[in-house]
Amino acid sequence: MKLLLHSCCAPCSIACVEVLRKESIKPHLFWYNPNIHPLSEYEMRRDCLKRFSESEQLPLTLIDEHGLELTGSPPVRCEKCYRMRLEKAAFFASENGFSAFTTTLLISPYQNHEAIKLIAEECAKKYSVVFLYHDFRSMFREGQASARAQNMYMQKYCGCVFSKEES
């Protein structure tokens, strides 16, 4: 299976990649996270994912856009953010011969798992690509521990300016 893995950051990618590899899937990492603020945070997360992809010998596509500001309050703002990123991943997967896509957002116990799943399914249908659903949440703590052991950059908030203020 040729799988595109939307990756929000390296720490969340670790356990997702491990699970997929156990299923004999070597994912292609995909970075599209224009919601992350400030620019220094965006760059630290992006660069950490680059190093992770190199160390794991995984292909990585970067859609290097920064500065999108979403408005509204949760859950509406968060769902807009999920949709923007998942739609870009589904479109990219469809246009570049991937048979499916998924996302590391599904590992976080802090995200709205059901909303992510529903939005990803809608995007998959829109772009005629398969959404490979995985509930990675049981691997969250293990992935975070592995990231710490590897001295990866560990962010303290989801990414947007609002989540930064709330943290």
N, C-alpha and C. Protein backbone atom coordinates (compact mmCIF):
# COMPACT_ATOMS: atom_id res chain seq x y z
N MET A 1 0.84 -1.18 0.00
CA MET A 1 0.00 0.00 0.00
C MET A 1 0.88 1.24 0.00
N LYS A 2 0.58 2.16 -0.87
CA LYS A 2 1.29 3.43 -0.92
C LYS A 2 0.49 4.42 -0.06
N LEU A 3 1.02 4.71 1.15
CA LEU A 3 0.29 5.49 2.14
C LEU A 3 0.95 6.84 2.40
N LEU A 4 0.14 7.88 2.39
CA LEU A 4 0.57 9.22 2.77
C LEU A 4 0.18 9.44 4.22
N LEU A 5 1.15 9.81 5.05
CA LEU A 5 0.89 10.05 6.47
C LEU A 5 1.04 11.53 6.75
N HIS A 6 -0.09 12.23 6.92
CA HIS A 6 -0.03 13.63 7.32
C HIS A 6 0.59 13.66 8.71
N SER A 7 1.68 14.41 8.86
CA SER A 7 2.42 14.43 10.12
C SER A 7 2.39 15.83 10.72
N CYS A 8 1.82 15.92 11.91
CA CYS A 8 1.77 17.21 12.59
C CYS A 8 3.10 17.54 13.25
N CYS A 9 3.86 16.50 13.63
CA CYS A 9 5.17 16.70 14.26
C CYS A 9 5.87 15.35 14.36
N ALA A 10 7.15 15.38 14.64
CA ALA A 10 7.92 14.14 14.76
C ALA A 10 7.50 13.30 15.98
N PRO A 11 7.33 13.91 17.17
CA PRO A 11 6.94 13.08 18.32
C PRO A 11 5.65 12.30 18.09
N CYS A 12 4.67 12.91 17.43
CA CYS A 12 3.43 12.18 17.15
C CYS A 12 3.59 11.17 16.02
N SER A 13 4.60 11.34 15.20
CA SER A 13 4.83 10.44 14.07
C SER A 13 5.48 9.13 14.48
N ILE A 14 6.28 9.16 15.52
CA ILE A 14 7.08 7.99 15.91
C ILE A 14 6.24 6.73 16.05
N ALA A 15 5.26 6.75 16.94
CA ALA A 15 4.47 5.55 17.20
C ALA A 15 3.57 5.20 16.02
N CYS A 16 3.08 6.22 15.31
CA CYS A 16 2.24 5.94 14.12
C CYS A 16 3.04 5.16 13.08
N VAL A 17 4.27 5.60 12.85
CA VAL A 17 5.14 4.92 11.89
C VAL A 17 5.41 3.49 12.36
N GLU A 18 5.64 3.32 13.64
CA GLU A 18 5.90 1.98 14.20
C GLU A 18 4.71 1.04 13.95
N VAL A 19 3.51 1.52 14.23
CA VAL A 19 2.30 0.72 14.01
C VAL A 19 2.16 0.36 12.54
N LEU A 20 2.36 1.33 11.67
CA LEU A 20 2.21 1.09 10.23
C LEU A 20 3.28 0.11 9.72
N ARG A 21 4.49 0.23 10.22
CA ARG A 21 5.55 -0.69 9.80
C ARG A 21 5.22 -2.13 10.20
N LYS A 22 4.58 -2.30 11.35
CA LYS A 22 4.17 -3.65 11.78
C LYS A 22 3.14 -4.23 10.81
N GLU A 23 2.47 -3.37 10.07
CA GLU A 23 1.51 -3.81 9.05
C GLU A 23 2.16 -3.84 7.66
N SER A 24 3.48 -3.79 7.64
CA SER A 24 4.27 -3.79 6.39
C SER A 24 3.97 -2.59 5.50
N ILE A 25 3.69 -1.46 6.13
CA ILE A 25 3.45 -0.22 5.40
C ILE A 25 4.58 0.75 5.71
N LYS A 26 5.25 1.22 4.66
CA LYS A 26 6.27 2.25 4.82
C LYS A 26 5.63 3.57 4.37
N PRO A 27 5.23 4.40 5.33
CA PRO A 27 4.52 5.62 4.95
C PRO A 27 5.43 6.69 4.34
N HIS A 28 4.80 7.52 3.57
CA HIS A 28 5.42 8.72 3.01
C HIS A 28 4.92 9.87 3.88
N LEU A 29 5.82 10.54 4.59
CA LEU A 29 5.41 11.62 5.49
C LEU A 29 5.03 12.86 4.69
N PHE A 30 4.06 13.59 5.22
CA PHE A 30 3.53 14.78 4.55
C PHE A 30 3.35 15.89 5.58
N TRP A 31 4.08 16.99 5.38
CA TRP A 31 4.02 18.14 6.29
C TRP A 31 3.21 19.25 5.65
N TYR A 32 2.09 19.55 6.25
CA TYR A 32 1.29 20.73 5.89
C TYR A 32 0.60 21.18 7.17
N ASN A 33 1.16 22.20 7.79
CA ASN A 33 0.67 22.68 9.08
C ASN A 33 0.83 24.20 9.17
N PRO A 34 0.15 24.95 8.31
CA PRO A 34 0.32 26.41 8.30
C PRO A 34 -0.27 27.10 9.51
N ASN A 35 -0.93 26.35 10.37
CA ASN A 35 -1.57 26.87 11.56
C ASN A 35 -0.60 27.12 12.71
N ILE A 36 0.60 26.59 12.65
CA ILE A 36 1.51 26.63 13.79
C ILE A 36 2.13 28.03 13.93
N HIS A 37 2.03 28.55 15.15
CA HIS A 37 2.55 29.89 15.47
C HIS A 37 3.39 29.82 16.73
N PRO A 38 4.37 30.68 16.87
CA PRO A 38 4.89 31.61 15.88
C PRO A 38 5.78 30.89 14.87
N LEU A 39 6.39 31.66 13.99
CA LEU A 39 7.25 31.08 12.95
C LEU A 39 8.36 30.22 13.55
N SER A 40 8.94 30.65 14.65
CA SER A 40 10.02 29.87 15.27
C SER A 40 9.53 28.49 15.69
N GLU A 41 8.30 28.41 16.21
CA GLU A 41 7.72 27.12 16.59
C GLU A 41 7.49 26.25 15.35
N TYR A 42 6.95 26.87 14.31
CA TYR A 42 6.71 26.19 13.05
C TYR A 42 8.01 25.57 12.54
N GLU A 43 9.07 26.36 12.53
CA GLU A 43 10.36 25.89 12.02
C GLU A 43 10.95 24.77 12.87
N MET A 44 10.82 24.88 14.20
CA MET A 44 11.35 23.82 15.06
C MET A 44 10.63 22.49 14.82
N ARG A 45 9.32 22.54 14.69
CA ARG A 45 8.55 21.31 14.45
C ARG A 45 8.86 20.74 13.07
N ARG A 46 8.91 21.60 12.07
CA ARG A 46 9.21 21.15 10.70
C ARG A 46 10.60 20.53 10.63
N ASP A 47 11.57 21.21 11.20
CA ASP A 47 12.95 20.72 11.12
C ASP A 47 13.15 19.42 11.91
N CYS A 48 12.43 19.29 13.00
CA CYS A 48 12.49 18.04 13.76
C CYS A 48 11.91 16.89 12.93
N LEU A 49 10.83 17.16 12.22
CA LEU A 49 10.24 16.12 11.36
C LEU A 49 11.19 15.76 10.22
N LYS A 50 11.89 16.74 9.68
CA LYS A 50 12.90 16.46 8.63
C LYS A 50 13.96 15.50 9.16
N ARG A 51 14.48 15.79 10.35
CA ARG A 51 15.51 14.92 10.94
C ARG A 51 14.96 13.51 11.19
N PHE A 52 13.72 13.44 11.68
CA PHE A 52 13.09 12.14 11.91
C PHE A 52 12.96 11.37 10.60
N SER A 53 12.50 12.01 9.55
CA SER A 53 12.34 11.31 8.26
C SER A 53 13.67 10.80 7.74
N GLU A 54 14.71 11.59 7.93
CA GLU A 54 16.04 11.16 7.50
C GLU A 54 16.53 9.97 8.33
N SER A 55 16.37 10.06 9.64
CA SER A 55 16.86 8.98 10.51
C SER A 55 16.09 7.67 10.28
N GLU A 56 14.82 7.78 9.91
CA GLU A 56 14.00 6.60 9.67
C GLU A 56 13.96 6.20 8.20
N GLN A 57 14.67 6.94 7.37
CA GLN A 57 14.72 6.70 5.92
C GLN A 57 13.32 6.65 5.32
N LEU A 58 12.53 7.67 5.68
CA LEU A 58 11.17 7.78 5.16
C LEU A 58 11.09 9.00 4.25
N PRO A 59 10.42 8.84 3.12
CA PRO A 59 10.25 10.00 2.25
C PRO A 59 9.38 11.05 2.93
N LEU A 60 9.65 12.31 2.63
CA LEU A 60 8.92 13.42 3.23
C LEU A 60 8.63 14.47 2.18
N THR A 61 7.38 14.87 2.10
CA THR A 61 6.99 16.01 1.27
C THR A 61 6.62 17.15 2.19
N LEU A 62 7.23 18.31 1.94
CA LEU A 62 6.95 19.50 2.72
C LEU A 62 6.14 20.48 1.88
N ILE A 63 4.99 20.86 2.37
CA ILE A 63 4.23 21.98 1.79
C ILE A 63 4.48 23.10 2.80
N ASP A 64 5.46 23.90 2.49
CA ASP A 64 6.01 24.85 3.45
C ASP A 64 5.26 26.19 3.38
N GLU A 65 4.11 26.23 4.02
CA GLU A 65 3.32 27.45 4.12
C GLU A 65 3.13 27.75 5.59
N HIS A 66 3.22 29.00 5.94
CA HIS A 66 3.08 29.40 7.33
C HIS A 66 2.27 30.67 7.43
N GLY A 67 1.57 30.83 8.53
CA GLY A 67 0.93 32.10 8.81
C GLY A 67 -0.58 32.11 8.72
N LEU A 68 -1.19 30.97 8.55
CA LEU A 68 -2.65 30.94 8.50
C LEU A 68 -3.20 31.18 9.90
N GLU A 69 -4.12 32.10 10.00
CA GLU A 69 -4.75 32.35 11.28
C GLU A 69 -6.22 31.97 11.18
N LEU A 70 -6.62 31.08 12.04
CA LEU A 70 -8.02 30.65 12.09
C LEU A 70 -8.74 31.44 13.17
N THR A 71 -10.00 31.67 12.95
CA THR A 71 -10.79 32.41 13.92
C THR A 71 -11.90 31.52 14.48
N GLY A 72 -12.55 32.03 15.50
CA GLY A 72 -13.63 31.29 16.13
C GLY A 72 -13.14 30.61 17.39
N SER A 73 -14.03 29.91 18.02
CA SER A 73 -13.67 29.22 19.24
C SER A 73 -13.82 27.72 19.03
N PRO A 74 -13.12 26.94 19.87
CA PRO A 74 -13.29 25.49 19.76
C PRO A 74 -14.75 25.14 20.00
N PRO A 75 -15.30 24.15 19.37
CA PRO A 75 -14.65 23.20 18.48
C PRO A 75 -14.62 23.66 17.02
N VAL A 76 -15.32 24.74 16.68
CA VAL A 76 -15.40 25.18 15.28
C VAL A 76 -14.02 25.50 14.72
N ARG A 77 -13.21 26.25 15.45
CA ARG A 77 -11.88 26.62 14.98
C ARG A 77 -11.02 25.38 14.77
N CYS A 78 -11.08 24.45 15.70
CA CYS A 78 -10.27 23.23 15.59
C CYS A 78 -10.71 22.39 14.39
N GLU A 79 -11.99 22.29 14.16
CA GLU A 79 -12.48 21.53 13.01
C GLU A 79 -12.08 22.17 11.69
N LYS A 80 -12.04 23.50 11.62
CA LYS A 80 -11.54 24.19 10.42
C LYS A 80 -10.07 23.83 10.19
N CYS A 81 -9.32 23.79 11.27
CA CYS A 81 -7.89 23.46 11.19
C CYS A 81 -7.69 22.02 10.72
N TYR A 82 -8.45 21.09 11.29
CA TYR A 82 -8.36 19.69 10.85
C TYR A 82 -8.68 19.60 9.36
N ARG A 83 -9.79 20.23 8.97
CA ARG A 83 -10.25 20.14 7.58
C ARG A 83 -9.22 20.69 6.60
N MET A 84 -8.67 21.84 6.92
CA MET A 84 -7.68 22.47 6.04
C MET A 84 -6.50 21.52 5.80
N ARG A 85 -6.00 20.92 6.85
CA ARG A 85 -4.82 20.06 6.72
C ARG A 85 -5.15 18.71 6.09
N LEU A 86 -6.27 18.13 6.49
CA LEU A 86 -6.65 16.83 5.94
C LEU A 86 -7.09 16.93 4.49
N GLU A 87 -7.72 18.04 4.13
CA GLU A 87 -8.10 18.21 2.73
C GLU A 87 -6.86 18.32 1.85
N LYS A 88 -5.85 19.05 2.32
CA LYS A 88 -4.60 19.16 1.56
C LYS A 88 -3.95 17.78 1.42
N ALA A 89 -3.97 16.99 2.49
CA ALA A 89 -3.38 15.65 2.44
C ALA A 89 -4.14 14.74 1.49
N ALA A 90 -5.46 14.77 1.55
CA ALA A 90 -6.27 13.93 0.65
C ALA A 90 -6.07 14.32 -0.80
N PHE A 91 -6.04 15.62 -1.07
CA PHE A 91 -5.81 16.10 -2.42
C PHE A 91 -4.43 15.66 -2.92
N PHE A 92 -3.41 15.86 -2.10
CA PHE A 92 -2.06 15.47 -2.48
C PHE A 92 -1.98 13.97 -2.74
N ALA A 93 -2.59 13.18 -1.88
CA ALA A 93 -2.58 11.72 -2.05
C ALA A 93 -3.23 11.34 -3.37
N SER A 94 -4.37 11.93 -3.65
CA SER A 94 -5.11 11.63 -4.88
C SER A 94 -4.32 12.02 -6.12
N GLU A 95 -3.69 13.18 -6.07
CA GLU A 95 -2.96 13.70 -7.24
C GLU A 95 -1.61 13.02 -7.46
N ASN A 96 -1.11 12.32 -6.46
CA ASN A 96 0.24 11.76 -6.55
C ASN A 96 0.29 10.25 -6.43
N GLY A 97 -0.80 9.58 -6.72
CA GLY A 97 -0.80 8.13 -6.84
C GLY A 97 -0.77 7.35 -5.54
N PHE A 98 -1.13 7.97 -4.43
CA PHE A 98 -1.20 7.23 -3.17
C PHE A 98 -2.53 6.49 -3.13
N SER A 99 -2.51 5.29 -2.58
CA SER A 99 -3.76 4.53 -2.48
C SER A 99 -4.56 4.93 -1.26
N ALA A 100 -3.89 5.57 -0.27
CA ALA A 100 -4.58 5.96 0.96
C ALA A 100 -3.80 7.04 1.69
N PHE A 101 -4.47 7.65 2.66
CA PHE A 101 -3.81 8.60 3.55
C PHE A 101 -4.35 8.40 4.96
N THR A 102 -3.58 8.87 5.92
CA THR A 102 -4.01 8.92 7.31
C THR A 102 -3.27 10.08 7.97
N THR A 103 -3.45 10.23 9.27
CA THR A 103 -2.85 11.37 9.96
C THR A 103 -2.38 11.03 11.36
N THR A 104 -1.31 11.67 11.77
CA THR A 104 -0.81 11.52 13.13
C THR A 104 -1.70 12.23 14.14
N LEU A 105 -2.60 13.07 13.69
CA LEU A 105 -3.55 13.71 14.60
C LEU A 105 -4.34 12.67 15.39
N LEU A 106 -4.46 11.47 14.84
CA LEU A 106 -5.22 10.41 15.48
C LEU A 106 -4.51 9.77 16.68
N ILE A 107 -3.31 10.22 16.99
CA ILE A 107 -2.61 9.66 18.15
C ILE A 107 -2.85 10.48 19.42
N SER A 108 -3.22 11.72 19.26
CA SER A 108 -3.32 12.60 20.42
C SER A 108 -4.62 12.43 21.21
N PRO A 109 -4.50 12.20 22.51
CA PRO A 109 -5.70 12.15 23.34
C PRO A 109 -6.28 13.54 23.58
N TYR A 110 -5.57 14.57 23.13
CA TYR A 110 -6.01 15.95 23.33
C TYR A 110 -6.79 16.51 22.15
N GLN A 111 -6.84 15.78 21.04
CA GLN A 111 -7.57 16.23 19.85
C GLN A 111 -8.95 15.59 19.82
N ASN A 112 -9.83 16.16 19.03
CA ASN A 112 -11.18 15.64 18.86
C ASN A 112 -11.14 14.50 17.84
N HIS A 113 -10.92 13.32 18.35
CA HIS A 113 -10.71 12.13 17.52
C HIS A 113 -11.87 11.89 16.54
N GLU A 114 -13.09 11.96 17.02
CA GLU A 114 -14.24 11.69 16.15
C GLU A 114 -14.37 12.72 15.05
N ALA A 115 -14.09 13.98 15.35
CA ALA A 115 -14.14 15.03 14.32
C ALA A 115 -13.06 14.79 13.26
N ILE A 116 -11.87 14.42 13.69
CA ILE A 116 -10.78 14.14 12.75
C ILE A 116 -11.18 13.00 11.82
N LYS A 117 -11.71 11.95 12.39
CA LYS A 117 -12.12 10.78 11.60
C LYS A 117 -13.20 11.15 10.59
N LEU A 118 -14.21 11.87 11.01
CA LEU A 118 -15.30 12.27 10.12
C LEU A 118 -14.80 13.18 9.01
N ILE A 119 -14.01 14.16 9.34
CA ILE A 119 -13.48 15.09 8.33
C ILE A 119 -12.58 14.36 7.35
N ALA A 120 -11.73 13.48 7.84
CA ALA A 120 -10.84 12.72 6.95
C ALA A 120 -11.65 11.85 5.99
N GLU A 121 -12.71 11.24 6.48
CA GLU A 121 -13.57 10.42 5.61
C GLU A 121 -14.23 11.28 4.54
N GLU A 122 -14.68 12.48 4.91
CA GLU A 122 -15.28 13.39 3.93
C GLU A 122 -14.26 13.81 2.87
N CYS A 123 -13.05 14.11 3.30
CA CYS A 123 -12.00 14.51 2.35
C CYS A 123 -11.62 13.35 1.43
N ALA A 124 -11.58 12.16 1.99
CA ALA A 124 -11.26 10.97 1.18
C ALA A 124 -12.30 10.79 0.09
N LYS A 125 -13.54 10.93 0.44
CA LYS A 125 -14.62 10.78 -0.54
C LYS A 125 -14.52 11.87 -1.61
N LYS A 126 -14.28 13.10 -1.18
CA LYS A 126 -14.18 14.23 -2.12
C LYS A 126 -13.09 14.02 -3.16
N TYR A 127 -11.95 13.43 -2.74
CA TYR A 127 -10.81 13.28 -3.64
C TYR A 127 -10.60 11.84 -4.12
N SER A 128 -11.55 10.98 -3.88
CA SER A 128 -11.51 9.59 -4.35
C SER A 128 -10.23 8.87 -3.94
N VAL A 129 -9.93 8.96 -2.68
CA VAL A 129 -8.79 8.26 -2.11
C VAL A 129 -9.27 7.60 -0.81
N VAL A 130 -8.60 6.58 -0.38
CA VAL A 130 -9.00 5.87 0.83
C VAL A 130 -8.42 6.57 2.06
N PHE A 131 -9.23 6.71 3.08
CA PHE A 131 -8.75 7.16 4.38
C PHE A 131 -8.50 5.91 5.21
N LEU A 132 -7.26 5.67 5.59
CA LEU A 132 -6.91 4.52 6.42
C LEU A 132 -7.03 4.93 7.87
N TYR A 133 -8.08 4.48 8.51
CA TYR A 133 -8.34 4.85 9.90
C TYR A 133 -7.54 3.97 10.85
N HIS A 134 -6.91 4.63 11.81
CA HIS A 134 -6.21 3.95 12.90
C HIS A 134 -6.43 4.76 14.16
N ASP A 135 -6.82 4.11 15.22
CA ASP A 135 -6.88 4.78 16.51
C ASP A 135 -5.52 4.53 17.17
N PHE A 136 -4.63 5.49 17.02
CA PHE A 136 -3.27 5.35 17.53
C PHE A 136 -3.13 5.78 18.99
N ARG A 137 -4.21 6.23 19.62
CA ARG A 137 -4.11 6.85 20.95
C ARG A 137 -3.46 5.97 22.01
N SER A 138 -3.62 4.67 21.93
CA SER A 138 -3.01 3.79 22.93
C SER A 138 -1.48 3.85 22.88
N MET A 139 -0.93 4.36 21.78
CA MET A 139 0.52 4.45 21.60
C MET A 139 1.08 5.83 21.94
N PHE A 140 0.21 6.76 22.36
CA PHE A 140 0.64 8.15 22.58
C PHE A 140 1.79 8.26 23.57
N ARG A 141 1.62 7.71 24.76
CA ARG A 141 2.65 7.84 25.81
C ARG A 141 3.96 7.18 25.38
N GLU A 142 3.86 6.03 24.74
CA GLU A 142 5.06 5.33 24.25
C GLU A 142 5.80 6.19 23.22
N GLY A 143 5.05 6.79 22.31
CA GLY A 143 5.66 7.65 21.30
C GLY A 143 6.32 8.87 21.91
N GLN A 144 5.67 9.47 22.89
CA GLN A 144 6.24 10.64 23.57
C GLN A 144 7.52 10.27 24.32
N ALA A 145 7.50 9.13 24.97
CA ALA A 145 8.70 8.67 25.69
C ALA A 145 9.85 8.42 24.73
N SER A 146 9.54 7.85 23.58
CA SER A 146 10.57 7.61 22.57
C SER A 146 11.13 8.93 22.05
N ALA A 147 10.27 9.91 21.85
CA ALA A 147 10.72 11.23 21.38
C ALA A 147 11.65 11.87 22.41
N ARG A 148 11.30 11.78 23.67
CA ARG A 148 12.16 12.34 24.72
C ARG A 148 13.51 11.62 24.74
N ALA A 149 13.48 10.30 24.61
CA ALA A 149 14.72 9.51 24.62
C ALA A 149 15.63 9.88 23.45
N GLN A 150 15.01 10.32 22.35
CA GLN A 150 15.78 10.72 21.16
C GLN A 150 16.10 12.22 21.16
N ASN A 151 15.79 12.90 22.27
CA ASN A 151 16.03 14.34 22.39
C ASN A 151 15.36 15.16 21.30
N MET A 152 14.17 14.75 20.91
CA MET A 152 13.41 15.50 19.91
C MET A 152 12.79 16.74 20.56
N TYR A 153 12.54 17.71 19.75
CA TYR A 153 11.83 18.90 20.23
C TYR A 153 10.40 18.50 20.59
N MET A 154 9.99 18.85 21.81
CA MET A 154 8.66 18.51 22.30
C MET A 154 7.87 19.80 22.52
N GLN A 155 6.87 20.00 21.72
CA GLN A 155 6.07 21.20 21.84
C GLN A 155 5.16 21.15 23.06
N LYS A 156 4.70 22.31 23.48
CA LYS A 156 3.89 22.42 24.69
C LYS A 156 2.42 22.75 24.40
N TYR A 157 2.08 22.89 23.12
CA TYR A 157 0.71 23.23 22.74
C TYR A 157 0.42 22.72 21.34
N CYS A 158 -0.85 22.71 20.99
CA CYS A 158 -1.30 22.14 19.72
C CYS A 158 -0.62 22.80 18.53
N GLY A 159 -0.67 24.13 18.48
CA GLY A 159 -0.01 24.79 17.37
C GLY A 159 -0.49 26.19 17.09
N CYS A 160 -1.79 26.42 17.15
CA CYS A 160 -2.30 27.75 16.78
C CYS A 160 -2.03 28.76 17.90
N VAL A 161 -2.16 30.01 17.55
CA VAL A 161 -1.91 31.08 18.50
C VAL A 161 -2.83 30.97 19.72
N PHE A 162 -4.04 30.50 19.52
CA PHE A 162 -4.99 30.35 20.63
C PHE A 162 -4.54 29.25 21.59
N SER A 163 -4.10 28.13 21.04
CA SER A 163 -3.65 27.04 21.92
C SER A 163 -2.38 27.43 22.66
N LYS A 164 -1.57 28.26 22.03
CA LYS A 164 -0.37 28.76 22.71
C LYS A 164 -0.75 29.61 23.92
N GLU A 165 -1.73 30.48 23.72
CA GLU A 165 -2.19 31.33 24.82
C GLU A 165 -2.83 30.51 25.93
N GLU A 166 -3.53 29.45 25.56
CA GLU A 166 -4.23 28.61 26.54
C GLU A 166 -3.27 27.72 27.33
N SER A 167 -2.08 27.47 26.77
CA SER A 167 -1.12 26.59 27.44
C SER A 167 -0.40 27.31 28.50
